[in-house]
Amino acid sequence: MADSPPPPNNRSVSIRQAVVWHVSIGRITKLSVVAHALDRMKARGVTQQDIIDALKNPKARSFPADIPHRGIEWRKSPRKLLHVVYDEISATERRIITAYWK
């Protein structure tokens, strides 16, 4: 059997599963958090509770994000504004793409 070709640019590819959080935020009952978001959250000091609070009480319901993603803002304190980028999978599920402090 022939070896499969290397990925483009000879970069290794790592695929990790999303983490699922079961929540109660209005109609939302499930948050799927992709590996990229988990990495960025850890690096930027964003907690699971920060994400949940942002979805419960957004300052702004939308900000420009790459289509088809959506974005919300949440002010944790006078000097900390959290941006959360997500996809709406269904009426009850959101996929968190990334989160960062502005």
N, C-alpha and C. Protein backbone atom coordinates (compact mmCIF):
# COMPACT_ATOMS: atom_id res chain seq x y z
N MET A 1 0.85 -1.18 0.00
CA MET A 1 0.00 0.00 0.00
C MET A 1 0.89 1.24 0.00
N ALA A 2 0.58 2.19 -0.86
CA ALA A 2 1.39 3.40 -0.99
C ALA A 2 1.14 4.33 0.19
N ASP A 3 2.20 5.06 0.54
CA ASP A 3 2.05 6.06 1.60
C ASP A 3 1.15 7.18 1.10
N SER A 4 0.38 7.75 2.02
CA SER A 4 -0.46 8.88 1.63
C SER A 4 0.42 10.12 1.50
N PRO A 5 0.02 11.05 0.64
CA PRO A 5 0.84 12.26 0.43
C PRO A 5 0.86 13.11 1.69
N PRO A 6 1.94 13.87 1.88
CA PRO A 6 2.02 14.74 3.06
C PRO A 6 1.00 15.86 2.95
N PRO A 7 0.63 16.43 4.08
CA PRO A 7 -0.28 17.58 4.05
C PRO A 7 0.36 18.74 3.29
N PRO A 8 -0.44 19.71 2.83
CA PRO A 8 0.12 20.88 2.13
C PRO A 8 1.20 21.55 2.98
N ASN A 9 2.25 22.02 2.31
CA ASN A 9 3.37 22.71 2.96
C ASN A 9 4.11 21.83 3.96
N ASN A 10 3.90 20.51 3.90
CA ASN A 10 4.56 19.55 4.78
C ASN A 10 4.34 19.85 6.26
N ARG A 11 3.27 20.53 6.59
CA ARG A 11 2.94 20.79 7.99
C ARG A 11 2.16 19.62 8.53
N SER A 12 2.42 19.26 9.77
CA SER A 12 1.65 18.18 10.37
C SER A 12 0.26 18.70 10.70
N VAL A 13 -0.70 17.82 10.65
CA VAL A 13 -2.08 18.20 10.91
C VAL A 13 -2.53 17.49 12.18
N SER A 14 -3.07 18.24 13.11
CA SER A 14 -3.58 17.68 14.35
C SER A 14 -5.06 18.01 14.45
N ILE A 15 -5.86 17.00 14.57
CA ILE A 15 -7.31 17.21 14.69
C ILE A 15 -7.73 16.78 16.09
N ARG A 16 -8.29 17.72 16.83
CA ARG A 16 -8.77 17.42 18.17
C ARG A 16 -10.27 17.66 18.20
N GLN A 17 -10.92 16.94 19.04
CA GLN A 17 -12.36 17.07 19.18
C GLN A 17 -12.72 18.34 19.96
N ALA A 18 -13.91 18.81 19.69
CA ALA A 18 -14.45 19.94 20.46
C ALA A 18 -14.88 19.42 21.84
N VAL A 19 -14.88 20.31 22.80
CA VAL A 19 -15.38 19.99 24.13
C VAL A 19 -16.82 20.49 24.18
N VAL A 20 -17.70 19.71 24.79
CA VAL A 20 -19.11 20.10 24.89
C VAL A 20 -19.43 20.50 26.32
N TRP A 21 -20.02 21.70 26.46
CA TRP A 21 -20.49 22.17 27.76
C TRP A 21 -22.01 22.16 27.72
N HIS A 22 -22.64 21.54 28.69
CA HIS A 22 -24.10 21.56 28.80
C HIS A 22 -24.46 22.74 29.69
N VAL A 23 -25.26 23.66 29.15
CA VAL A 23 -25.55 24.92 29.82
C VAL A 23 -27.05 25.20 29.77
N SER A 24 -27.45 26.23 30.45
CA SER A 24 -28.83 26.72 30.39
C SER A 24 -28.76 28.23 30.22
N ILE A 25 -28.80 28.67 28.95
CA ILE A 25 -28.73 30.09 28.62
C ILE A 25 -29.90 30.36 27.69
N GLY A 26 -31.04 30.72 28.23
CA GLY A 26 -32.23 30.88 27.40
C GLY A 26 -32.55 29.56 26.73
N ARG A 27 -32.61 29.59 25.39
CA ARG A 27 -32.87 28.35 24.64
C ARG A 27 -31.62 27.50 24.43
N ILE A 28 -30.45 28.09 24.67
CA ILE A 28 -29.20 27.37 24.43
C ILE A 28 -28.95 26.35 25.54
N THR A 29 -28.75 25.10 25.13
CA THR A 29 -28.48 24.03 26.10
C THR A 29 -27.12 23.37 25.88
N LYS A 30 -26.46 23.70 24.76
CA LYS A 30 -25.20 23.04 24.43
C LYS A 30 -24.23 24.02 23.76
N LEU A 31 -23.01 24.05 24.29
CA LEU A 31 -21.93 24.82 23.68
C LEU A 31 -20.83 23.84 23.27
N SER A 32 -20.50 23.82 22.00
CA SER A 32 -19.36 23.04 21.51
C SER A 32 -18.21 24.02 21.38
N VAL A 33 -17.11 23.74 22.06
CA VAL A 33 -15.97 24.65 22.05
C VAL A 33 -14.84 23.97 21.29
N VAL A 34 -14.49 24.52 20.12
CA VAL A 34 -13.47 23.90 19.28
C VAL A 34 -12.09 24.02 19.94
N ALA A 35 -11.18 23.15 19.54
CA ALA A 35 -9.84 23.10 20.13
C ALA A 35 -9.13 24.46 20.03
N HIS A 36 -9.29 25.14 18.89
CA HIS A 36 -8.68 26.46 18.72
C HIS A 36 -9.16 27.42 19.81
N ALA A 37 -10.46 27.41 20.08
CA ALA A 37 -11.01 28.29 21.10
C ALA A 37 -10.45 27.95 22.48
N LEU A 38 -10.34 26.66 22.79
CA LEU A 38 -9.79 26.25 24.08
C LEU A 38 -8.35 26.73 24.23
N ASP A 39 -7.57 26.60 23.15
CA ASP A 39 -6.17 27.07 23.19
C ASP A 39 -6.11 28.57 23.40
N ARG A 40 -6.92 29.33 22.66
CA ARG A 40 -6.92 30.79 22.79
C ARG A 40 -7.42 31.21 24.17
N MET A 41 -8.45 30.54 24.68
CA MET A 41 -8.96 30.87 26.01
C MET A 41 -7.87 30.71 27.06
N LYS A 42 -7.17 29.59 27.00
CA LYS A 42 -6.11 29.33 27.98
C LYS A 42 -5.02 30.40 27.88
N ALA A 43 -4.59 30.71 26.65
CA ALA A 43 -3.53 31.69 26.45
C ALA A 43 -3.95 33.09 26.88
N ARG A 44 -5.23 33.40 26.75
CA ARG A 44 -5.72 34.76 27.01
C ARG A 44 -6.41 34.92 28.36
N GLY A 45 -6.46 33.87 29.15
CA GLY A 45 -7.07 33.96 30.47
C GLY A 45 -8.58 34.12 30.45
N VAL A 46 -9.23 33.51 29.48
CA VAL A 46 -10.69 33.55 29.39
C VAL A 46 -11.22 32.25 29.99
N THR A 47 -12.16 32.35 30.92
CA THR A 47 -12.69 31.15 31.59
C THR A 47 -14.00 30.69 30.94
N GLN A 48 -14.39 29.48 31.31
CA GLN A 48 -15.68 28.95 30.86
C GLN A 48 -16.80 29.86 31.34
N GLN A 49 -16.70 30.33 32.58
CA GLN A 49 -17.74 31.21 33.12
C GLN A 49 -17.78 32.53 32.37
N ASP A 50 -16.65 33.05 31.91
CA ASP A 50 -16.63 34.27 31.11
C ASP A 50 -17.46 34.08 29.83
N ILE A 51 -17.28 32.95 29.16
CA ILE A 51 -18.02 32.66 27.93
C ILE A 51 -19.52 32.59 28.23
N ILE A 52 -19.87 31.87 29.28
CA ILE A 52 -21.29 31.73 29.65
C ILE A 52 -21.89 33.09 29.99
N ASP A 53 -21.17 33.90 30.79
CA ASP A 53 -21.66 35.23 31.15
C ASP A 53 -21.83 36.11 29.92
N ALA A 54 -20.91 36.00 28.97
CA ALA A 54 -21.01 36.79 27.73
C ALA A 54 -22.26 36.42 26.95
N LEU A 55 -22.56 35.15 26.87
CA LEU A 55 -23.75 34.71 26.14
C LEU A 55 -25.04 35.07 26.88
N LYS A 56 -24.99 35.09 28.20
CA LYS A 56 -26.17 35.45 29.00
C LYS A 56 -26.46 36.94 28.95
N ASN A 57 -25.41 37.76 28.98
CA ASN A 57 -25.57 39.21 29.10
C ASN A 57 -24.68 39.96 28.11
N PRO A 58 -24.89 39.79 26.83
CA PRO A 58 -24.01 40.50 25.88
C PRO A 58 -24.25 42.00 25.90
N LYS A 59 -23.16 42.76 25.82
CA LYS A 59 -23.26 44.23 25.71
C LYS A 59 -23.78 44.58 24.33
N ALA A 60 -23.24 43.91 23.33
CA ALA A 60 -23.67 44.09 21.95
C ALA A 60 -23.92 42.70 21.38
N ARG A 61 -25.02 42.55 20.68
CA ARG A 61 -25.38 41.23 20.15
C ARG A 61 -24.57 40.84 18.93
N SER A 62 -23.92 41.81 18.33
CA SER A 62 -23.22 41.48 17.10
C SER A 62 -22.08 42.46 16.87
N PHE A 63 -21.00 41.97 16.35
CA PHE A 63 -19.93 42.81 15.85
C PHE A 63 -19.41 42.14 14.59
N PRO A 64 -18.71 42.86 13.74
CA PRO A 64 -18.25 42.26 12.48
C PRO A 64 -17.36 41.05 12.75
N ALA A 65 -17.73 39.93 12.16
CA ALA A 65 -16.94 38.70 12.23
C ALA A 65 -16.97 38.08 10.85
N ASP A 66 -16.00 37.24 10.58
CA ASP A 66 -15.97 36.58 9.27
C ASP A 66 -17.23 35.75 9.08
N ILE A 67 -17.88 35.93 7.95
CA ILE A 67 -19.08 35.15 7.64
C ILE A 67 -18.67 33.70 7.55
N PRO A 68 -19.37 32.75 8.09
CA PRO A 68 -20.72 32.80 8.66
C PRO A 68 -20.73 32.98 10.17
N HIS A 69 -19.58 33.34 10.76
CA HIS A 69 -19.52 33.46 12.22
C HIS A 69 -20.29 34.68 12.71
N ARG A 70 -20.67 34.61 13.97
CA ARG A 70 -21.31 35.74 14.65
C ARG A 70 -20.45 36.12 15.83
N GLY A 71 -20.63 37.33 16.31
CA GLY A 71 -19.84 37.77 17.44
C GLY A 71 -20.66 38.57 18.43
N ILE A 72 -20.29 38.45 19.71
CA ILE A 72 -20.90 39.24 20.77
C ILE A 72 -19.81 39.84 21.63
N GLU A 73 -20.16 40.91 22.33
CA GLU A 73 -19.26 41.56 23.27
C GLU A 73 -19.87 41.47 24.67
N TRP A 74 -18.99 41.38 25.66
CA TRP A 74 -19.43 41.38 27.06
C TRP A 74 -18.40 42.15 27.87
N ARG A 75 -18.86 43.11 28.65
CA ARG A 75 -17.95 43.91 29.48
C ARG A 75 -17.87 43.29 30.86
N LYS A 76 -16.70 42.71 31.16
CA LYS A 76 -16.48 42.09 32.47
C LYS A 76 -16.20 43.16 33.52
N SER A 77 -15.49 44.20 33.11
CA SER A 77 -15.16 45.31 34.02
C SER A 77 -14.97 46.54 33.14
N PRO A 78 -14.80 47.71 33.75
CA PRO A 78 -14.62 48.91 32.94
C PRO A 78 -13.46 48.82 31.94
N ARG A 79 -12.46 47.99 32.23
CA ARG A 79 -11.29 47.91 31.35
C ARG A 79 -11.21 46.59 30.58
N LYS A 80 -12.17 45.69 30.76
CA LYS A 80 -12.10 44.39 30.09
C LYS A 80 -13.37 44.12 29.29
N LEU A 81 -13.20 44.04 27.97
CA LEU A 81 -14.30 43.76 27.05
C LEU A 81 -13.97 42.45 26.34
N LEU A 82 -14.85 41.46 26.49
CA LEU A 82 -14.62 40.15 25.88
C LEU A 82 -15.39 40.03 24.58
N HIS A 83 -14.70 39.61 23.53
CA HIS A 83 -15.34 39.29 22.25
C HIS A 83 -15.40 37.77 22.15
N VAL A 84 -16.58 37.26 21.82
CA VAL A 84 -16.77 35.82 21.62
C VAL A 84 -17.29 35.63 20.19
N VAL A 85 -16.59 34.80 19.42
CA VAL A 85 -16.99 34.49 18.05
C VAL A 85 -17.53 33.07 18.04
N TYR A 86 -18.72 32.90 17.43
CA TYR A 86 -19.37 31.59 17.47
C TYR A 86 -20.16 31.36 16.19
N ASP A 87 -20.56 30.10 16.01
CA ASP A 87 -21.49 29.72 14.94
C ASP A 87 -22.78 29.26 15.60
N GLU A 88 -23.89 29.58 14.98
CA GLU A 88 -25.19 29.11 15.47
C GLU A 88 -25.48 27.79 14.75
N ILE A 89 -25.34 26.69 15.47
CA ILE A 89 -25.54 25.36 14.89
C ILE A 89 -27.03 25.05 14.80
N SER A 90 -27.76 25.38 15.85
CA SER A 90 -29.21 25.20 15.88
C SER A 90 -29.76 26.18 16.90
N ALA A 91 -31.07 26.12 17.11
CA ALA A 91 -31.68 27.03 18.09
C ALA A 91 -31.15 26.78 19.50
N THR A 92 -30.65 25.58 19.76
CA THR A 92 -30.21 25.22 21.11
C THR A 92 -28.70 24.99 21.23
N GLU A 93 -27.97 25.12 20.13
CA GLU A 93 -26.53 24.85 20.18
C GLU A 93 -25.71 25.94 19.49
N ARG A 94 -24.59 26.30 20.14
CA ARG A 94 -23.63 27.23 19.57
C ARG A 94 -22.25 26.57 19.57
N ARG A 95 -21.45 26.90 18.55
CA ARG A 95 -20.06 26.42 18.47
C ARG A 95 -19.17 27.63 18.69
N ILE A 96 -18.39 27.59 19.77
CA ILE A 96 -17.48 28.69 20.09
C ILE A 96 -16.21 28.53 19.25
N ILE A 97 -15.89 29.57 18.47
CA ILE A 97 -14.75 29.56 17.58
C ILE A 97 -13.52 30.16 18.25
N THR A 98 -13.68 31.29 18.90
CA THR A 98 -12.58 31.92 19.63
C THR A 98 -13.15 32.96 20.59
N ALA A 99 -12.30 33.42 21.49
CA ALA A 99 -12.68 34.47 22.44
C ALA A 99 -11.41 35.27 22.77
N TYR A 100 -11.57 36.58 22.87
CA TYR A 100 -10.40 37.42 23.16
C TYR A 100 -10.84 38.71 23.84
N TRP A 101 -9.91 39.25 24.63
CA TRP A 101 -10.14 40.52 25.32
C TRP A 101 -9.79 41.67 24.38
N LYS A 102 -10.62 42.68 24.38
CA LYS A 102 -10.40 43.89 23.58
C LYS A 102 -9.99 45.01 24.50
